[in-house]
Amino acid sequence: MRCQIDIDARGRFGWRLVASNGRSVAVSPAVHESHARCRAAFMRVCGLHATLGGGIQHTAEGSGWVWFVWDGGGRSVATSARTYERHATCRASYERFRALLATLDPGDPELWGES
């Protein structure tokens, strides 16, 4: 498992949690103005894992399901990396992410590909 920070065409940063098989597990719904702020945002998500809310909903197009995790202020802090065809599959992915989040150590250099 690693957290990869990507940069978009406008120079803004977003994090992506990637499984050992190369599949993206979750992404940041927000973009950040610096690499450091993006990394801090992911570390915050890890630190707040026990207090975060979350749920599943239809996509805006209504063609599938996505999950979201939000903080105490109602701001989305993580979302599924893809759309799911079935509600049950989306729910299982959401539950796996929540369980995984509780085990991540944001201070581990391996998580950031630094070892």
C-alpha atoms as a PDB file:
ATOM      1  CA  MET A   1       0.000   0.000   0.000  1.00  0.00           C
ATOM      2  CA  ARG A   2       1.318   3.428  -0.865  1.00  0.00           C
ATOM      3  CA  CYS A   3       0.061   6.970  -1.033  1.00  0.00           C
ATOM      4  CA  GLN A   4       0.918   8.649  -4.299  1.00  0.00           C
ATOM      5  CA  ILE A   5       0.635  12.384  -4.775  1.00  0.00           C
ATOM      6  CA  ASP A   6      -0.271  13.479  -8.287  1.00  0.00           C
ATOM      7  CA  ILE A   7      -0.095  16.905  -9.883  1.00  0.00           C
ATOM      8  CA  ASP A   8      -2.677  18.117 -12.382  1.00  0.00           C
ATOM      9  CA  ALA A   9      -2.269  20.358 -15.430  1.00  0.00           C
ATOM     10  CA  ARG A  10      -2.905  23.451 -13.293  1.00  0.00           C
ATOM     11  CA  GLY A  11      -0.131  22.578 -10.830  1.00  0.00           C
ATOM     12  CA  ARG A  12      -2.457  21.440  -8.038  1.00  0.00           C
ATOM     13  CA  PHE A  13      -1.936  18.272  -6.012  1.00  0.00           C
ATOM     14  CA  GLY A  14      -4.155  15.344  -5.050  1.00  0.00           C
ATOM     15  CA  TRP A  15      -3.437  12.113  -3.222  1.00  0.00           C
ATOM     16  CA  ARG A  16      -4.270   8.604  -4.345  1.00  0.00           C
ATOM     17  CA  LEU A  17      -4.038   5.485  -2.185  1.00  0.00           C
ATOM     18  CA  VAL A  18      -2.718   2.607  -4.303  1.00  0.00           C
ATOM     19  CA  ALA A  19      -2.875  -1.096  -3.390  1.00  0.00           C
ATOM     20  CA  SER A  20       0.069  -3.436  -3.901  1.00  0.00           C
ATOM     21  CA  ASN A  21      -1.595  -4.728  -7.102  1.00  0.00           C
ATOM     22  CA  GLY A  22      -1.447  -1.198  -8.586  1.00  0.00           C
ATOM     23  CA  ARG A  23      -5.159  -0.458  -8.286  1.00  0.00           C
ATOM     24  CA  SER A  24      -6.256   2.862  -6.849  1.00  0.00           C
ATOM     25  CA  VAL A  25      -8.262   2.348  -3.666  1.00  0.00           C
ATOM     26  CA  ALA A  26      -9.247   5.917  -2.789  1.00  0.00           C
ATOM     27  CA  VAL A  27      -8.565   9.461  -3.954  1.00  0.00           C
ATOM     28  CA  SER A  28      -8.701  12.937  -2.515  1.00  0.00           C
ATOM     29  CA  PRO A  29     -11.810  14.796  -3.634  1.00  0.00           C
ATOM     30  CA  ALA A  30     -10.049  18.138  -3.119  1.00  0.00           C
ATOM     31  CA  VAL A  31      -6.947  19.554  -4.747  1.00  0.00           C
ATOM     32  CA  HIS A  32      -4.198  21.294  -2.807  1.00  0.00           C
ATOM     33  CA  GLU A  33      -1.880  24.122  -3.735  1.00  0.00           C
ATOM     34  CA  SER A  34       1.288  22.329  -2.622  1.00  0.00           C
ATOM     35  CA  HIS A  35       2.710  18.846  -2.259  1.00  0.00           C
ATOM     36  CA  ALA A  36       3.171  19.443   1.463  1.00  0.00           C
ATOM     37  CA  ARG A  37      -0.458  20.484   1.985  1.00  0.00           C
ATOM     38  CA  CYS A  38      -1.667  17.465   0.052  1.00  0.00           C
ATOM     39  CA  ARG A  39       0.444  15.117   2.124  1.00  0.00           C
ATOM     40  CA  ALA A  40      -0.761  16.803   5.319  1.00  0.00           C
ATOM     41  CA  ALA A  41      -4.378  16.355   4.184  1.00  0.00           C
ATOM     42  CA  PHE A  42      -3.869  12.601   3.783  1.00  0.00           C
ATOM     43  CA  MET A  43      -2.126  12.394   7.144  1.00  0.00           C
ATOM     44  CA  ARG A  44      -5.109  14.216   8.674  1.00  0.00           C
ATOM     45  CA  VAL A  45      -7.511  11.667   7.173  1.00  0.00           C
ATOM     46  CA  CYS A  46      -5.458   8.868   8.733  1.00  0.00           C
ATOM     47  CA  GLY A  47      -5.369  10.610  12.101  1.00  0.00           C
ATOM     48  CA  LEU A  48      -9.112  11.258  12.156  1.00  0.00           C
ATOM     49  CA  HIS A  49     -10.158   7.826  10.853  1.00  0.00           C
ATOM     50  CA  ALA A  50     -12.206   6.949  13.961  1.00  0.00           C
ATOM     51  CA  THR A  51     -14.275  10.147  13.822  1.00  0.00           C
ATOM     52  CA  LEU A  52     -14.936  10.357  10.087  1.00  0.00           C
ATOM     53  CA  GLY A  53     -18.404   9.854   8.666  1.00  0.00           C
ATOM     54  CA  GLY A  54     -19.153   8.230   5.367  1.00  0.00           C
ATOM     55  CA  GLY A  55     -21.642   6.712   3.038  1.00  0.00           C
ATOM     56  CA  ILE A  56     -22.578   5.468  -0.385  1.00  0.00           C
ATOM     57  CA  GLN A  57     -24.578   7.219  -3.082  1.00  0.00           C
ATOM     58  CA  HIS A  58     -25.446   7.097  -6.751  1.00  0.00           C
ATOM     59  CA  THR A  59     -23.122   8.909  -9.109  1.00  0.00           C
ATOM     60  CA  ALA A  60     -24.326  12.258 -10.416  1.00  0.00           C
ATOM     61  CA  GLU A  61     -25.236  10.515 -13.672  1.00  0.00           C
ATOM     62  CA  GLY A  62     -27.066   7.767 -11.761  1.00  0.00           C
ATOM     63  CA  SER A  63     -25.070   5.092 -13.557  1.00  0.00           C
ATOM     64  CA  GLY A  64     -23.405   3.494 -10.559  1.00  0.00           C
ATOM     65  CA  TRP A  65     -22.347   3.831  -6.946  1.00  0.00           C
ATOM     66  CA  VAL A  66     -19.516   5.701  -5.214  1.00  0.00           C
ATOM     67  CA  TRP A  67     -18.524   6.051  -1.580  1.00  0.00           C
ATOM     68  CA  PHE A  68     -17.391   9.124   0.334  1.00  0.00           C
ATOM     69  CA  VAL A  69     -15.770   9.773   3.687  1.00  0.00           C
ATOM     70  CA  TRP A  70     -16.265  13.167   5.347  1.00  0.00           C
ATOM     71  CA  ASP A  71     -14.890  15.011   8.346  1.00  0.00           C
ATOM     72  CA  GLY A  72     -16.778  16.558  11.262  1.00  0.00           C
ATOM     73  CA  GLY A  73     -17.440  19.698   9.227  1.00  0.00           C
ATOM     74  CA  GLY A  74     -19.106  17.692   6.467  1.00  0.00           C
ATOM     75  CA  ARG A  75     -16.245  18.172   3.997  1.00  0.00           C
ATOM     76  CA  SER A  76     -15.480  15.178   1.789  1.00  0.00           C
ATOM     77  CA  VAL A  77     -11.936  14.002   2.567  1.00  0.00           C
ATOM     78  CA  ALA A  78     -11.781  10.720   0.604  1.00  0.00           C
ATOM     79  CA  THR A  79     -13.785   9.064  -2.142  1.00  0.00           C
ATOM     80  CA  SER A  80     -13.803   5.840  -4.082  1.00  0.00           C
ATOM     81  CA  ALA A  81     -11.333   5.771  -6.930  1.00  0.00           C
ATOM     82  CA  ARG A  82     -13.934   4.348  -9.289  1.00  0.00           C
ATOM     83  CA  THR A  83     -17.647   3.855  -9.813  1.00  0.00           C
ATOM     84  CA  TYR A  84     -19.202   0.532  -8.830  1.00  0.00           C
ATOM     85  CA  GLU A  85     -21.987  -1.144 -10.763  1.00  0.00           C
ATOM     86  CA  ARG A  86     -23.473  -2.783  -7.675  1.00  0.00           C
ATOM     87  CA  HIS A  87     -24.339  -1.234  -4.326  1.00  0.00           C
ATOM     88  CA  ALA A  88     -23.053  -4.297  -2.443  1.00  0.00           C
ATOM     89  CA  THR A  89     -19.645  -4.118  -4.160  1.00  0.00           C
ATOM     90  CA  CYS A  90     -19.376  -0.413  -3.374  1.00  0.00           C
ATOM     91  CA  ARG A  91     -20.320  -1.014   0.267  1.00  0.00           C
ATOM     92  CA  ALA A  92     -17.688  -3.767   0.558  1.00  0.00           C
ATOM     93  CA  SER A  93     -15.045  -1.438  -0.910  1.00  0.00           C
ATOM     94  CA  TYR A  94     -16.073   1.316   1.507  1.00  0.00           C
ATOM     95  CA  GLU A  95     -15.839  -1.025   4.488  1.00  0.00           C
ATOM     96  CA  ARG A  96     -12.424  -2.326   3.378  1.00  0.00           C
ATOM     97  CA  PHE A  97     -11.152   1.254   3.024  1.00  0.00           C
ATOM     98  CA  ARG A  98     -12.409   2.199   6.494  1.00  0.00           C
ATOM     99  CA  ALA A  99     -10.703  -0.872   8.004  1.00  0.00           C
ATOM    100  CA  LEU A 100      -7.509  -0.172   6.062  1.00  0.00           C
ATOM    101  CA  LEU A 101      -7.456   3.481   7.106  1.00  0.00           C
ATOM    102  CA  ALA A 102      -7.312   2.444  10.756  1.00  0.00           C
ATOM    103  CA  THR A 103      -4.121   0.445  10.097  1.00  0.00           C
ATOM    104  CA  LEU A 104      -2.152   2.986   8.056  1.00  0.00           C
ATOM    105  CA  ASP A 105       0.793   4.770   9.637  1.00  0.00           C
ATOM    106  CA  PRO A 106       1.196   8.082   7.786  1.00  0.00           C
ATOM    107  CA  GLY A 107       4.693   8.413   9.261  1.00  0.00           C
ATOM    108  CA  ASP A 108       5.856   5.186   7.586  1.00  0.00           C
ATOM    109  CA  PRO A 109       8.260   6.054   4.732  1.00  0.00           C
ATOM    110  CA  GLU A 110       7.134   2.895   2.893  1.00  0.00           C
ATOM    111  CA  LEU A 111       3.619   4.346   2.583  1.00  0.00           C
ATOM    112  CA  TRP A 112       5.123   7.241   0.631  1.00  0.00           C
ATOM    113  CA  GLY A 113       7.475   5.108  -1.470  1.00  0.00           C
ATOM    114  CA  GLU A 114      10.483   6.549   0.362  1.00  0.00           C
ATOM    115  CA  SER A 115      12.159   3.347   1.489  1.00  0.00           C
END
